[in-house]
Amino acid sequence: MDDLDFRILAAIFGERLWRFTDWDPRISTRKIAARAGVAPSTVYERLSNWQASGFLQGYGVLPNPRLLGGRFVGHNVRLADPSAREAFVGAAERIEGVFSFFHHANAWVSVMTFAQSAEASWRQSEQVSRLEGGEHVEPPHVLPEIPPRGRNPDLLDWRIVKALAGWSGHSLVPVAEGLAVSERTVRRRYERMMRDRIVWFFPFLDFAKVKGVVASLIVEFDPKVGYAAVANAMRDRYRDTLRFLSGIETPAGEPYPIWQGLWCLDSVGQAESVMQEVRALPGVTSVEVSYPLRIEKARSTWLADRFEAIIRSVGQTQSVVRPPPEQVR
C-alpha cells in the first residue's frame, strides 16, 4: 500500500476517522476522488486493484447495536504462539456474540463481539481469557455509541439488512431479486438506513496483500491531559494518519485514555522512529506499535440467527410490508 492507496482509504471514511458508520460500499468514485484530491479514474483503478489483489475481500454488515439492545466490544488478546492463531480463532468463534477478528502480525488479535450489558462484556472477556493459546487479554473496550436516527426498521428493512450480509458491494439488483421487490425500493431503503445509521458496514481487508508497511500505534496518555488535546496534537503533527474510533469506553462507561491510528510507512524502522517521536509528546505515557494483518468475518452463525429471530419477531407484530405503489417500477 502506497501513500495514494492510504489517502483513498482515509477518504472513504470522510474525516480520516475509522468508524463503521462512515464506510458506504456504494460511495461514488467521484466523491472519494474529491476528498483525496485525485481524478475519479485513479480512484476506480486503485479500488479495482484492491479487489484483484485480494486486499479488499468484501464487506460485513451490522445493524446499529442500539437496535439489538447493546454495544459492540473489542477484546485485545496477545497469543502465546502466533502459529496457534487459527486454533484460537476457531475456539473464539464459539463464544456467543463474536462477529469478527482483527489480526496483527505481532501475535495480537482483537476479538469483536456484541454484548447486551457490561456484565455480558466481562463474561465474554472471561471466556476469551480461558481459550487455549491466549497469553494476555486486555480489559474489554466498548466501542462508541452512535444512536440511530429516524424511524425504526420495519420487516422489509430487516430482510434487506439480512440480504446485505452476503452482498458484494456492487449492484443492489441481486438483493432486490432475492426479496422479490424492485431495485428502486431496495436502493431507497438502503440509502435511508445508511443516512439514519441503521445499518453499518465494515471492510474485510488483507494487509498482507499490499506492499509497504501499515503500522497501528496505540497511544496511552495521562487522563488529566484529555483525549482532545492528544488527538489535536497527533492531527497537527501527523496529518496523513487514519485515526481509529474515538470515545472508546470501559464497560462501566468510563473513557479509556488511549488514542489509536494507522500509518502507511516505508519500513518497520520508520514505524519505530514514529513511535519514539510520539512517546516524547506532552502527556503521552506509553506507545505500542502493531502491524495489521487482516480483518475477517467470524464463521459463526450468531449474527444470521439474530437476524432470523428479529425478522420472526417483527413479522408477528407487523403486517407484511409492501412497497408503496410509487416505488414499484
C-alpha atoms as a PDB file:
ATOM      1  CA  MET A   1       0.000   0.000   0.000  1.00  0.00           C
ATOM      2  CA  ASP A   2       1.489   3.317  -1.024  1.00  0.00           C
ATOM      3  CA  ASP A   3       0.598   6.827   0.132  1.00  0.00           C
ATOM      4  CA  LEU A   4      -2.082   7.227  -2.534  1.00  0.00           C
ATOM      5  CA  ASP A   5      -3.832   3.995  -1.551  1.00  0.00           C
ATOM      6  CA  PHE A   6      -3.781   5.142   2.045  1.00  0.00           C
ATOM      7  CA  ARG A   7      -5.194   8.559   1.106  1.00  0.00           C
ATOM      8  CA  ILE A   8      -8.031   6.832  -0.732  1.00  0.00           C
ATOM      9  CA  LEU A   9      -8.688   4.539   2.237  1.00  0.00           C
ATOM     10  CA  ALA A  10      -8.828   7.560   4.545  1.00  0.00           C
ATOM     11  CA  ALA A  11     -11.032   9.464   2.059  1.00  0.00           C
ATOM     12  CA  ILE A  12     -13.627   6.677   2.094  1.00  0.00           C
ATOM     13  CA  PHE A  13     -14.054   7.317   5.814  1.00  0.00           C
ATOM     14  CA  GLY A  14     -14.540  11.027   5.151  1.00  0.00           C
ATOM     15  CA  GLU A  15     -12.951  12.649   8.182  1.00  0.00           C
ATOM     16  CA  ARG A  16      -9.926  10.316   8.469  1.00  0.00           C
ATOM     17  CA  LEU A  17     -11.730   8.604  11.329  1.00  0.00           C
ATOM     18  CA  TRP A  18     -12.251   4.834  11.121  1.00  0.00           C
ATOM     19  CA  ARG A  19     -15.928   4.346  12.009  1.00  0.00           C
ATOM     20  CA  PHE A  20     -18.332   1.650  10.844  1.00  0.00           C
ATOM     21  CA  THR A  21     -20.961   4.299  10.117  1.00  0.00           C
ATOM     22  CA  ASP A  22     -18.720   6.062   7.587  1.00  0.00           C
ATOM     23  CA  TRP A  23     -17.964   3.188   5.196  1.00  0.00           C
ATOM     24  CA  ASP A  24     -20.545   3.024   2.420  1.00  0.00           C
ATOM     25  CA  PRO A  25     -19.766   0.350  -0.216  1.00  0.00           C
ATOM     26  CA  ARG A  26     -21.784   2.377  -2.741  1.00  0.00           C
ATOM     27  CA  ILE A  27     -19.878   5.643  -2.262  1.00  0.00           C
ATOM     28  CA  SER A  28     -19.055   7.090  -5.660  1.00  0.00           C
ATOM     29  CA  THR A  29     -15.507   7.239  -7.005  1.00  0.00           C
ATOM     30  CA  ARG A  30     -16.181  10.912  -7.711  1.00  0.00           C
ATOM     31  CA  LYS A  31     -16.831  11.657  -4.046  1.00  0.00           C
ATOM     32  CA  ILE A  32     -13.760   9.683  -2.943  1.00  0.00           C
ATOM     33  CA  ALA A  33     -11.659  11.467  -5.573  1.00  0.00           C
ATOM     34  CA  ALA A  34     -12.802  14.886  -4.378  1.00  0.00           C
ATOM     35  CA  ARG A  35     -11.810  14.047  -0.815  1.00  0.00           C
ATOM     36  CA  ALA A  36      -8.455  12.539  -1.827  1.00  0.00           C
ATOM     37  CA  GLY A  37      -7.616  15.256  -4.375  1.00  0.00           C
ATOM     38  CA  VAL A  38      -7.154  12.879  -7.327  1.00  0.00           C
ATOM     39  CA  ALA A  39      -9.015  12.003 -10.527  1.00  0.00           C
ATOM     40  CA  PRO A  40     -12.045   9.642 -10.338  1.00  0.00           C
ATOM     41  CA  SER A  41     -10.323   7.352 -12.861  1.00  0.00           C
ATOM     42  CA  THR A  42      -7.401   6.992 -10.448  1.00  0.00           C
ATOM     43  CA  VAL A  43      -9.742   6.013  -7.622  1.00  0.00           C
ATOM     44  CA  TYR A  44     -11.530   3.492  -9.837  1.00  0.00           C
ATOM     45  CA  GLU A  45      -8.212   1.924 -10.869  1.00  0.00           C
ATOM     46  CA  ARG A  46      -6.985   1.667  -7.289  1.00  0.00           C
ATOM     47  CA  LEU A  47     -10.243   0.184  -5.978  1.00  0.00           C
ATOM     48  CA  SER A  48     -10.186  -2.359  -8.805  1.00  0.00           C
ATOM     49  CA  ASN A  49      -6.631  -3.252  -7.855  1.00  0.00           C
ATOM     50  CA  TRP A  50      -7.666  -3.660  -4.208  1.00  0.00           C
ATOM     51  CA  GLN A  51     -10.172  -6.310  -5.208  1.00  0.00           C
ATOM     52  CA  ALA A  52      -7.955  -8.005  -7.793  1.00  0.00           C
ATOM     53  CA  SER A  53      -5.044  -8.258  -5.351  1.00  0.00           C
ATOM     54  CA  GLY A  54      -7.243  -9.520  -2.514  1.00  0.00           C
ATOM     55  CA  PHE A  55      -6.644  -6.503  -0.275  1.00  0.00           C
ATOM     56  CA  LEU A  56     -10.385  -5.704  -0.243  1.00  0.00           C
ATOM     57  CA  GLN A  57     -12.136  -9.040   0.121  1.00  0.00           C
ATOM     58  CA  GLY A  58     -15.680  -7.889   0.754  1.00  0.00           C
ATOM     59  CA  TYR A  59     -17.868  -6.335   3.412  1.00  0.00           C
ATOM     60  CA  GLY A  60     -19.580  -7.305   6.612  1.00  0.00           C
ATOM     61  CA  VAL A  61     -22.937  -5.808   7.519  1.00  0.00           C
ATOM     62  CA  LEU A  62     -24.013  -4.985  11.053  1.00  0.00           C
ATOM     63  CA  PRO A  63     -27.171  -3.412  12.407  1.00  0.00           C
ATOM     64  CA  ASN A  64     -26.680  -0.468  14.695  1.00  0.00           C
ATOM     65  CA  PRO A  65     -26.080  -2.214  18.048  1.00  0.00           C
ATOM     66  CA  ARG A  66     -28.670   0.012  19.731  1.00  0.00           C
ATOM     67  CA  LEU A  67     -31.278  -1.848  17.650  1.00  0.00           C
ATOM     68  CA  LEU A  68     -30.076  -5.083  19.259  1.00  0.00           C
ATOM     69  CA  GLY A  69     -30.135  -3.574  22.727  1.00  0.00           C
ATOM     70  CA  GLY A  70     -26.399  -3.435  23.365  1.00  0.00           C
ATOM     71  CA  ARG A  71     -22.931  -2.332  22.282  1.00  0.00           C
ATOM     72  CA  PHE A  72     -20.013  -3.653  20.228  1.00  0.00           C
ATOM     73  CA  VAL A  73     -16.964  -4.613  22.270  1.00  0.00           C
ATOM     74  CA  GLY A  74     -13.308  -5.335  21.454  1.00  0.00           C
ATOM     75  CA  HIS A  75     -11.202  -7.861  23.381  1.00  0.00           C
ATOM     76  CA  ASN A  76      -7.480  -7.496  22.589  1.00  0.00           C
ATOM     77  CA  VAL A  77      -5.575 -10.754  23.025  1.00  0.00           C
ATOM     78  CA  ARG A  78      -1.850 -11.461  22.852  1.00  0.00           C
ATOM     79  CA  LEU A  79      -1.220 -15.005  21.671  1.00  0.00           C
ATOM     80  CA  ALA A  80       1.416 -17.155  23.346  1.00  0.00           C
ATOM     81  CA  ASP A  81       2.304 -18.664  19.966  1.00  0.00           C
ATOM     82  CA  PRO A  82       1.318 -16.932  16.678  1.00  0.00           C
ATOM     83  CA  SER A  83       1.264 -20.304  14.923  1.00  0.00           C
ATOM     84  CA  ALA A  84      -1.745 -21.270  17.077  1.00  0.00           C
ATOM     85  CA  ARG A  85      -3.773 -18.304  15.746  1.00  0.00           C
ATOM     86  CA  GLU A  86      -6.222 -20.373  13.677  1.00  0.00           C
ATOM     87  CA  ALA A  87      -6.935 -22.764  16.552  1.00  0.00           C
ATOM     88  CA  PHE A  88      -7.548 -19.817  18.867  1.00  0.00           C
ATOM     89  CA  VAL A  89      -9.920 -18.185  16.372  1.00  0.00           C
ATOM     90  CA  GLY A  90     -11.809 -21.442  15.856  1.00  0.00           C
ATOM     91  CA  ALA A  91     -12.394 -21.698  19.594  1.00  0.00           C
ATOM     92  CA  ALA A  92     -13.297 -17.989  19.949  1.00  0.00           C
ATOM     93  CA  GLU A  93     -15.954 -18.303  17.245  1.00  0.00           C
ATOM     94  CA  ARG A  94     -17.992 -20.493  19.576  1.00  0.00           C
ATOM     95  CA  ILE A  95     -18.466 -17.628  22.049  1.00  0.00           C
ATOM     96  CA  GLU A  96     -21.923 -16.049  21.832  1.00  0.00           C
ATOM     97  CA  GLY A  97     -21.828 -12.652  20.115  1.00  0.00           C
ATOM     98  CA  VAL A  98     -18.496 -12.912  18.262  1.00  0.00           C
ATOM     99  CA  PHE A  99     -18.776 -11.385  14.764  1.00  0.00           C
ATOM    100  CA  SER A 100     -15.244 -10.567  13.536  1.00  0.00           C
ATOM    101  CA  PHE A 101     -11.486 -10.612  14.192  1.00  0.00           C
ATOM    102  CA  PHE A 102      -8.785  -8.007  13.606  1.00  0.00           C
ATOM    103  CA  HIS A 103      -5.423  -9.763  13.339  1.00  0.00           C
ATOM    104  CA  HIS A 104      -1.993  -8.201  13.876  1.00  0.00           C
ATOM    105  CA  ALA A 105       1.395  -9.558  12.844  1.00  0.00           C
ATOM    106  CA  ASN A 106       2.998  -9.476  16.286  1.00  0.00           C
ATOM    107  CA  ALA A 107       0.798 -12.080  17.972  1.00  0.00           C
ATOM    108  CA  TRP A 108      -2.170  -9.804  18.724  1.00  0.00           C
ATOM    109  CA  VAL A 109      -5.777 -10.353  17.712  1.00  0.00           C
ATOM    110  CA  SER A 110      -8.867  -8.278  18.524  1.00  0.00           C
ATOM    111  CA  VAL A 111     -11.976 -10.378  19.109  1.00  0.00           C
ATOM    112  CA  MET A 112     -15.009  -8.252  18.230  1.00  0.00           C
ATOM    113  CA  THR A 113     -18.278  -9.088  19.972  1.00  0.00           C
ATOM    114  CA  PHE A 114     -21.783  -7.817  20.655  1.00  0.00           C
ATOM    115  CA  ALA A 115     -22.775  -7.567  24.318  1.00  0.00           C
ATOM    116  CA  GLN A 116     -26.132  -6.538  25.760  1.00  0.00           C
ATOM    117  CA  SER A 117     -24.678  -5.312  29.059  1.00  0.00           C
ATOM    118  CA  ALA A 118     -21.462  -4.530  30.921  1.00  0.00           C
ATOM    119  CA  GLU A 119     -21.796  -7.884  32.682  1.00  0.00           C
ATOM    120  CA  ALA A 120     -22.071  -9.667  29.335  1.00  0.00           C
ATOM    121  CA  SER A 121     -18.912  -7.976  28.030  1.00  0.00           C
ATOM    122  CA  TRP A 122     -16.940  -9.035  31.106  1.00  0.00           C
ATOM    123  CA  ARG A 123     -18.356 -12.555  30.779  1.00  0.00           C
ATOM    124  CA  GLN A 124     -17.140 -12.667  27.169  1.00  0.00           C
ATOM    125  CA  SER A 125     -13.732 -11.402  28.279  1.00  0.00           C
ATOM    126  CA  GLU A 126     -13.531 -14.187  30.830  1.00  0.00           C
ATOM    127  CA  GLN A 127     -14.452 -16.755  28.157  1.00  0.00           C
ATOM    128  CA  VAL A 128     -11.776 -15.350  25.836  1.00  0.00           C
ATOM    129  CA  SER A 129      -9.154 -15.492  28.607  1.00  0.00           C
ATOM    130  CA  ARG A 130      -9.834 -19.198  29.133  1.00  0.00           C
ATOM    131  CA  LEU A 131      -9.193 -20.129  25.497  1.00  0.00           C
ATOM    132  CA  GLU A 132      -6.060 -22.127  24.828  1.00  0.00           C
ATOM    133  CA  GLY A 133      -3.335 -20.133  23.115  1.00  0.00           C
ATOM    134  CA  GLY A 134      -4.086 -16.749  24.678  1.00  0.00           C
ATOM    135  CA  GLU A 135      -1.287 -15.302  26.817  1.00  0.00           C
ATOM    136  CA  HIS A 136      -2.810 -11.974  27.835  1.00  0.00           C
ATOM    137  CA  VAL A 137      -6.264 -10.398  27.473  1.00  0.00           C
ATOM    138  CA  GLU A 138      -6.773  -6.656  27.918  1.00  0.00           C
ATOM    139  CA  PRO A 139      -9.940  -5.361  29.615  1.00  0.00           C
ATOM    140  CA  PRO A 140     -12.858  -5.083  27.177  1.00  0.00           C
ATOM    141  CA  HIS A 141     -13.057  -1.908  25.093  1.00  0.00           C
ATOM    142  CA  VAL A 142     -16.618  -0.736  24.410  1.00  0.00           C
ATOM    143  CA  LEU A 143     -16.958   0.962  21.035  1.00  0.00           C
ATOM    144  CA  PRO A 144     -18.564   4.411  20.837  1.00  0.00           C
ATOM    145  CA  GLU A 145     -22.336   4.517  20.900  1.00  0.00           C
ATOM    146  CA  ILE A 146     -23.821   6.101  17.768  1.00  0.00           C
ATOM    147  CA  PRO A 147     -27.614   6.310  18.128  1.00  0.00           C
ATOM    148  CA  PRO A 148     -29.781   5.584  15.079  1.00  0.00           C
ATOM    149  CA  ARG A 149     -31.986   8.323  13.678  1.00  0.00           C
ATOM    150  CA  GLY A 150     -35.447   8.332  12.136  1.00  0.00           C
ATOM    151  CA  ARG A 151     -37.990   5.563  12.419  1.00  0.00           C
ATOM    152  CA  ASN A 152     -37.208   2.033  13.498  1.00  0.00           C
ATOM    153  CA  PRO A 153     -36.623  -0.512  10.698  1.00  0.00           C
ATOM    154  CA  ASP A 154     -39.687  -2.466   9.625  1.00  0.00           C
ATOM    155  CA  LEU A 155     -39.936  -6.033   8.368  1.00  0.00           C
ATOM    156  CA  LEU A 156     -38.711  -5.289   4.845  1.00  0.00           C
ATOM    157  CA  ASP A 157     -35.813  -3.220   6.222  1.00  0.00           C
ATOM    158  CA  TRP A 158     -34.649  -6.164   8.335  1.00  0.00           C
ATOM    159  CA  ARG A 159     -34.975  -8.543   5.386  1.00  0.00           C
ATOM    160  CA  ILE A 160     -32.816  -6.170   3.335  1.00  0.00           C
ATOM    161  CA  VAL A 161     -30.204  -5.958   6.108  1.00  0.00           C
ATOM    162  CA  LYS A 162     -30.061  -9.755   6.269  1.00  0.00           C
ATOM    163  CA  ALA A 163     -29.696  -9.985   2.478  1.00  0.00           C
ATOM    164  CA  LEU A 164     -26.857  -7.433   2.522  1.00  0.00           C
ATOM    165  CA  ALA A 165     -24.820  -9.782   4.728  1.00  0.00           C
ATOM    166  CA  GLY A 166     -23.795 -11.689   1.623  1.00  0.00           C
ATOM    167  CA  TRP A 167     -23.588  -8.676  -0.659  1.00  0.00           C
ATOM    168  CA  SER A 168     -20.571  -7.901  -2.849  1.00  0.00           C
ATOM    169  CA  GLY A 169     -20.945  -4.131  -2.529  1.00  0.00           C
ATOM    170  CA  HIS A 170     -21.854  -3.566  -6.170  1.00  0.00           C
ATOM    171  CA  SER A 171     -25.328  -3.696  -7.718  1.00  0.00           C
ATOM    172  CA  LEU A 172     -28.371  -3.976  -5.459  1.00  0.00           C
ATOM    173  CA  VAL A 173     -30.287  -5.841  -8.168  1.00  0.00           C
ATOM    174  CA  PRO A 174     -29.463  -9.348  -6.797  1.00  0.00           C
ATOM    175  CA  VAL A 175     -30.635  -8.225  -3.355  1.00  0.00           C
ATOM    176  CA  ALA A 176     -33.911  -6.951  -4.806  1.00  0.00           C
ATOM    177  CA  GLU A 177     -34.457 -10.095  -6.862  1.00  0.00           C
ATOM    178  CA  GLY A 178     -33.898 -12.302  -3.833  1.00  0.00           C
ATOM    179  CA  LEU A 179     -36.527 -10.346  -1.909  1.00  0.00           C
ATOM    180  CA  ALA A 180     -38.979 -10.090  -4.843  1.00  0.00           C
ATOM    181  CA  VAL A 181     -39.119  -6.289  -4.696  1.00  0.00           C
ATOM    182  CA  SER A 182     -37.866  -3.620  -7.064  1.00  0.00           C
ATOM    183  CA  GLU A 183     -34.267  -2.442  -7.112  1.00  0.00           C
ATOM    184  CA  ARG A 184     -35.602   1.076  -6.639  1.00  0.00           C
ATOM    185  CA  THR A 185     -37.280   0.062  -3.384  1.00  0.00           C
ATOM    186  CA  VAL A 186     -34.108  -1.569  -2.070  1.00  0.00           C
ATOM    187  CA  ARG A 187     -31.976   1.405  -3.105  1.00  0.00           C
ATOM    188  CA  ARG A 188     -34.242   3.932  -1.391  1.00  0.00           C
ATOM    189  CA  ARG A 189     -34.417   1.928   1.793  1.00  0.00           C
ATOM    190  CA  TYR A 190     -30.666   1.267   1.717  1.00  0.00           C
ATOM    191  CA  GLU A 191     -29.947   4.999   1.385  1.00  0.00           C
ATOM    192  CA  ARG A 192     -32.346   5.831   4.214  1.00  0.00           C
ATOM    193  CA  MET A 193     -30.872   3.190   6.519  1.00  0.00           C
ATOM    194  CA  MET A 194     -27.339   4.447   5.824  1.00  0.00           C
ATOM    195  CA  ARG A 195     -28.431   8.039   6.412  1.00  0.00           C
ATOM    196  CA  ASP A 196     -30.206   7.110   9.659  1.00  0.00           C
ATOM    197  CA  ARG A 197     -27.283   4.962  10.883  1.00  0.00           C
ATOM    198  CA  ILE A 198     -29.407   1.837  10.993  1.00  0.00           C
ATOM    199  CA  VAL A 199     -27.024  -0.359   9.031  1.00  0.00           C
ATOM    200  CA  TRP A 200     -23.221  -0.319   9.317  1.00  0.00           C
ATOM    201  CA  PHE A 201     -20.594  -1.844   7.045  1.00  0.00           C
ATOM    202  CA  PHE A 202     -17.022  -2.819   7.771  1.00  0.00           C
ATOM    203  CA  PRO A 203     -14.477  -3.921   5.152  1.00  0.00           C
ATOM    204  CA  PHE A 204     -12.639  -7.230   5.148  1.00  0.00           C
ATOM    205  CA  LEU A 205      -9.061  -6.137   4.431  1.00  0.00           C
ATOM    206  CA  ASP A 206      -5.956  -8.299   3.984  1.00  0.00           C
ATOM    207  CA  PHE A 207      -2.918  -6.108   4.662  1.00  0.00           C
ATOM    208  CA  ALA A 208      -0.597  -8.967   3.712  1.00  0.00           C
ATOM    209  CA  LYS A 209      -1.642  -8.439   0.077  1.00  0.00           C
ATOM    210  CA  VAL A 210      -0.110  -4.978  -0.208  1.00  0.00           C
ATOM    211  CA  LYS A 211       3.391  -3.559  -0.370  1.00  0.00           C
ATOM    212  CA  GLY A 212       4.810  -1.229   2.231  1.00  0.00           C
ATOM    213  CA  VAL A 213       4.205  -1.175   5.970  1.00  0.00           C
ATOM    214  CA  VAL A 214       0.921  -0.297   7.651  1.00  0.00           C
ATOM    215  CA  ALA A 215       1.503   0.341  11.337  1.00  0.00           C
ATOM    216  CA  SER A 216      -1.024   0.796  14.113  1.00  0.00           C
ATOM    217  CA  LEU A 217       0.009   2.874  17.130  1.00  0.00           C
ATOM    218  CA  ILE A 218      -1.839   2.722  20.432  1.00  0.00           C
ATOM    219  CA  VAL A 219      -1.016   5.841  22.425  1.00  0.00           C
ATOM    220  CA  GLU A 220      -1.820   5.898  26.127  1.00  0.00           C
ATOM    221  CA  PHE A 221      -1.917   9.301  27.792  1.00  0.00           C
ATOM    222  CA  ASP A 222      -2.412  10.956  31.158  1.00  0.00           C
ATOM    223  CA  PRO A 223      -6.186  11.333  31.708  1.00  0.00           C
ATOM    224  CA  LYS A 224      -5.541  14.840  33.082  1.00  0.00           C
ATOM    225  CA  VAL A 225      -4.377  15.874  29.604  1.00  0.00           C
ATOM    226  CA  GLY A 226      -7.589  14.670  27.941  1.00  0.00           C
ATOM    227  CA  TYR A 227      -8.323  12.949  24.651  1.00  0.00           C
ATOM    228  CA  ALA A 228      -8.965  16.142  22.688  1.00  0.00           C
ATOM    229  CA  ALA A 229      -5.539  17.601  23.456  1.00  0.00           C
ATOM    230  CA  VAL A 230      -3.756  14.423  22.403  1.00  0.00           C
ATOM    231  CA  ALA A 231      -5.919  13.989  19.288  1.00  0.00           C
ATOM    232  CA  ASN A 232      -5.253  17.579  18.221  1.00  0.00           C
ATOM    233  CA  ALA A 233      -1.514  17.176  18.759  1.00  0.00           C
ATOM    234  CA  MET A 234      -1.470  13.978  16.703  1.00  0.00           C
ATOM    235  CA  ARG A 235      -3.534  15.551  13.923  1.00  0.00           C
ATOM    236  CA  ASP A 236      -1.300  18.613  13.719  1.00  0.00           C
ATOM    237  CA  ARG A 237       1.914  16.591  13.678  1.00  0.00           C
ATOM    238  CA  TYR A 238       0.759  13.624  11.550  1.00  0.00           C
ATOM    239  CA  ARG A 239      -1.826  14.815   9.054  1.00  0.00           C
ATOM    240  CA  ASP A 240      -1.786  11.631   6.955  1.00  0.00           C
ATOM    241  CA  THR A 241      -2.819   9.354   9.817  1.00  0.00           C
ATOM    242  CA  LEU A 242      -6.115   7.455   9.743  1.00  0.00           C
ATOM    243  CA  ARG A 243      -7.468   7.739  13.261  1.00  0.00           C
ATOM    244  CA  PHE A 244      -9.314   4.835  14.849  1.00  0.00           C
ATOM    245  CA  LEU A 245     -12.548   5.183  16.786  1.00  0.00           C
ATOM    246  CA  SER A 246     -12.697   7.952  19.358  1.00  0.00           C
ATOM    247  CA  GLY A 247     -14.713   7.715  22.546  1.00  0.00           C
ATOM    248  CA  ILE A 248     -13.802   4.127  23.492  1.00  0.00           C
ATOM    249  CA  GLU A 249     -15.057   3.268  26.971  1.00  0.00           C
ATOM    250  CA  THR A 250     -14.782   0.672  29.688  1.00  0.00           C
ATOM    251  CA  PRO A 251     -17.874  -1.489  30.284  1.00  0.00           C
ATOM    252  CA  ALA A 252     -18.677   0.839  33.204  1.00  0.00           C
ATOM    253  CA  GLY A 253     -18.864   3.816  30.816  1.00  0.00           C
ATOM    254  CA  GLU A 254     -15.538   5.397  31.799  1.00  0.00           C
ATOM    255  CA  PRO A 255     -13.319   6.714  28.957  1.00  0.00           C
ATOM    256  CA  TYR A 256     -10.148   4.817  28.101  1.00  0.00           C
ATOM    257  CA  PRO A 257      -7.168   7.226  27.952  1.00  0.00           C
ATOM    258  CA  ILE A 258      -5.939   5.898  24.610  1.00  0.00           C
ATOM    259  CA  TRP A 259      -5.594   7.221  21.060  1.00  0.00           C
ATOM    260  CA  GLN A 260      -5.102   4.822  18.139  1.00  0.00           C
ATOM    261  CA  GLY A 261      -4.274   5.409  14.495  1.00  0.00           C
ATOM    262  CA  LEU A 262      -2.913   3.841  11.306  1.00  0.00           C
ATOM    263  CA  TRP A 263       0.192   4.948   9.426  1.00  0.00           C
ATOM    264  CA  CYS A 264       1.346   3.987   5.933  1.00  0.00           C
ATOM    265  CA  LEU A 265       5.153   3.872   6.168  1.00  0.00           C
ATOM    266  CA  ASP A 266       8.167   2.731   4.179  1.00  0.00           C
ATOM    267  CA  SER A 267       9.650   0.328   6.721  1.00  0.00           C
ATOM    268  CA  VAL A 268       9.417  -1.151  10.198  1.00  0.00           C
ATOM    269  CA  GLY A 269      12.324   1.077  11.150  1.00  0.00           C
ATOM    270  CA  GLN A 270      10.314   4.167  10.242  1.00  0.00           C
ATOM    271  CA  ALA A 271       7.445   2.862  12.390  1.00  0.00           C
ATOM    272  CA  GLU A 272       9.823   2.556  15.330  1.00  0.00           C
ATOM    273  CA  SER A 273      11.016   6.135  14.746  1.00  0.00           C
ATOM    274  CA  VAL A 274       7.452   7.438  14.735  1.00  0.00           C
ATOM    275  CA  MET A 275       6.770   5.531  17.948  1.00  0.00           C
ATOM    276  CA  GLN A 276       9.734   7.253  19.612  1.00  0.00           C
ATOM    277  CA  GLU A 277       8.550  10.673  18.399  1.00  0.00           C
ATOM    278  CA  VAL A 278       5.040  10.100  19.718  1.00  0.00           C
ATOM    279  CA  ARG A 279       6.356   8.876  23.061  1.00  0.00           C
ATOM    280  CA  ALA A 280       8.061  12.261  23.523  1.00  0.00           C
ATOM    281  CA  LEU A 281       4.827  14.266  23.080  1.00  0.00           C
ATOM    282  CA  PRO A 282       3.436  16.029  26.187  1.00  0.00           C
ATOM    283  CA  GLY A 283       1.034  13.889  28.168  1.00  0.00           C
ATOM    284  CA  VAL A 284       1.882  10.595  26.445  1.00  0.00           C
ATOM    285  CA  THR A 285       2.688   7.821  28.931  1.00  0.00           C
ATOM    286  CA  SER A 286       3.248   4.847  26.615  1.00  0.00           C
ATOM    287  CA  VAL A 287       3.131   3.855  22.946  1.00  0.00           C
ATOM    288  CA  GLU A 288       2.754   0.402  21.427  1.00  0.00           C
ATOM    289  CA  VAL A 289       3.069  -0.414  17.737  1.00  0.00           C
ATOM    290  CA  SER A 290       1.478  -3.341  15.929  1.00  0.00           C
ATOM    291  CA  TYR A 291       1.176  -4.309  12.273  1.00  0.00           C
ATOM    292  CA  PRO A 292      -2.298  -5.195  10.958  1.00  0.00           C
ATOM    293  CA  LEU A 293      -2.602  -8.498   9.123  1.00  0.00           C
ATOM    294  CA  ARG A 294      -6.279  -8.780   8.191  1.00  0.00           C
ATOM    295  CA  ILE A 295      -9.844  -8.101   9.222  1.00  0.00           C
ATOM    296  CA  GLU A 296     -12.072 -11.129   8.797  1.00  0.00           C
ATOM    297  CA  LYS A 297     -15.619 -12.205   9.495  1.00  0.00           C
ATOM    298  CA  ALA A 298     -16.316 -14.827  12.136  1.00  0.00           C
ATOM    299  CA  ARG A 299     -17.669 -18.052  10.683  1.00  0.00           C
ATOM    300  CA  SER A 300     -20.225 -18.478  13.451  1.00  0.00           C
ATOM    301  CA  THR A 301     -23.943 -18.233  12.707  1.00  0.00           C
ATOM    302  CA  TRP A 302     -24.636 -15.892  15.631  1.00  0.00           C
ATOM    303  CA  LEU A 303     -25.479 -12.821  13.540  1.00  0.00           C
ATOM    304  CA  ALA A 304     -27.538 -14.735  10.962  1.00  0.00           C
ATOM    305  CA  ASP A 305     -29.501 -16.382  13.762  1.00  0.00           C
ATOM    306  CA  ARG A 306     -30.103 -12.959  15.315  1.00  0.00           C
ATOM    307  CA  PHE A 307     -31.445 -11.613  12.019  1.00  0.00           C
ATOM    308  CA  GLU A 308     -33.822 -14.562  11.737  1.00  0.00           C
ATOM    309  CA  ALA A 309     -35.102 -14.034  15.274  1.00  0.00           C
ATOM    310  CA  ILE A 310     -35.698 -10.317  14.657  1.00  0.00           C
ATOM    311  CA  ILE A 311     -37.488 -10.979  11.359  1.00  0.00           C
ATOM    312  CA  ARG A 312     -39.768 -13.514  13.045  1.00  0.00           C
ATOM    313  CA  SER A 313     -40.476 -11.124  15.916  1.00  0.00           C
ATOM    314  CA  VAL A 314     -41.173  -8.126  13.700  1.00  0.00           C
ATOM    315  CA  GLY A 315     -43.226 -10.276  11.343  1.00  0.00           C
ATOM    316  CA  GLN A 316     -45.508 -11.265  14.211  1.00  0.00           C
ATOM    317  CA  THR A 317     -46.215  -7.654  15.141  1.00  0.00           C
ATOM    318  CA  GLN A 318     -46.366  -6.029  11.701  1.00  0.00           C
ATOM    319  CA  SER A 319     -48.356  -6.812   8.631  1.00  0.00           C
ATOM    320  CA  VAL A 320     -46.332  -7.831   5.594  1.00  0.00           C
ATOM    321  CA  VAL A 321     -44.739  -4.671   4.252  1.00  0.00           C
ATOM    322  CA  ARG A 322     -45.283  -3.950   0.576  1.00  0.00           C
ATOM    323  CA  PRO A 323     -43.624  -1.021  -1.207  1.00  0.00           C
ATOM    324  CA  PRO A 324     -45.908   1.941  -1.886  1.00  0.00           C
ATOM    325  CA  PRO A 325     -47.140   1.966  -5.494  1.00  0.00           C
ATOM    326  CA  GLU A 326     -44.946   4.907  -6.461  1.00  0.00           C
ATOM    327  CA  GLN A 327     -41.824   2.896  -5.505  1.00  0.00           C
ATOM    328  CA  VAL A 328     -42.541  -0.039  -7.783  1.00  0.00           C
ATOM    329  CA  ARG A 329     -41.418   0.004 -11.393  1.00  0.00           C
END
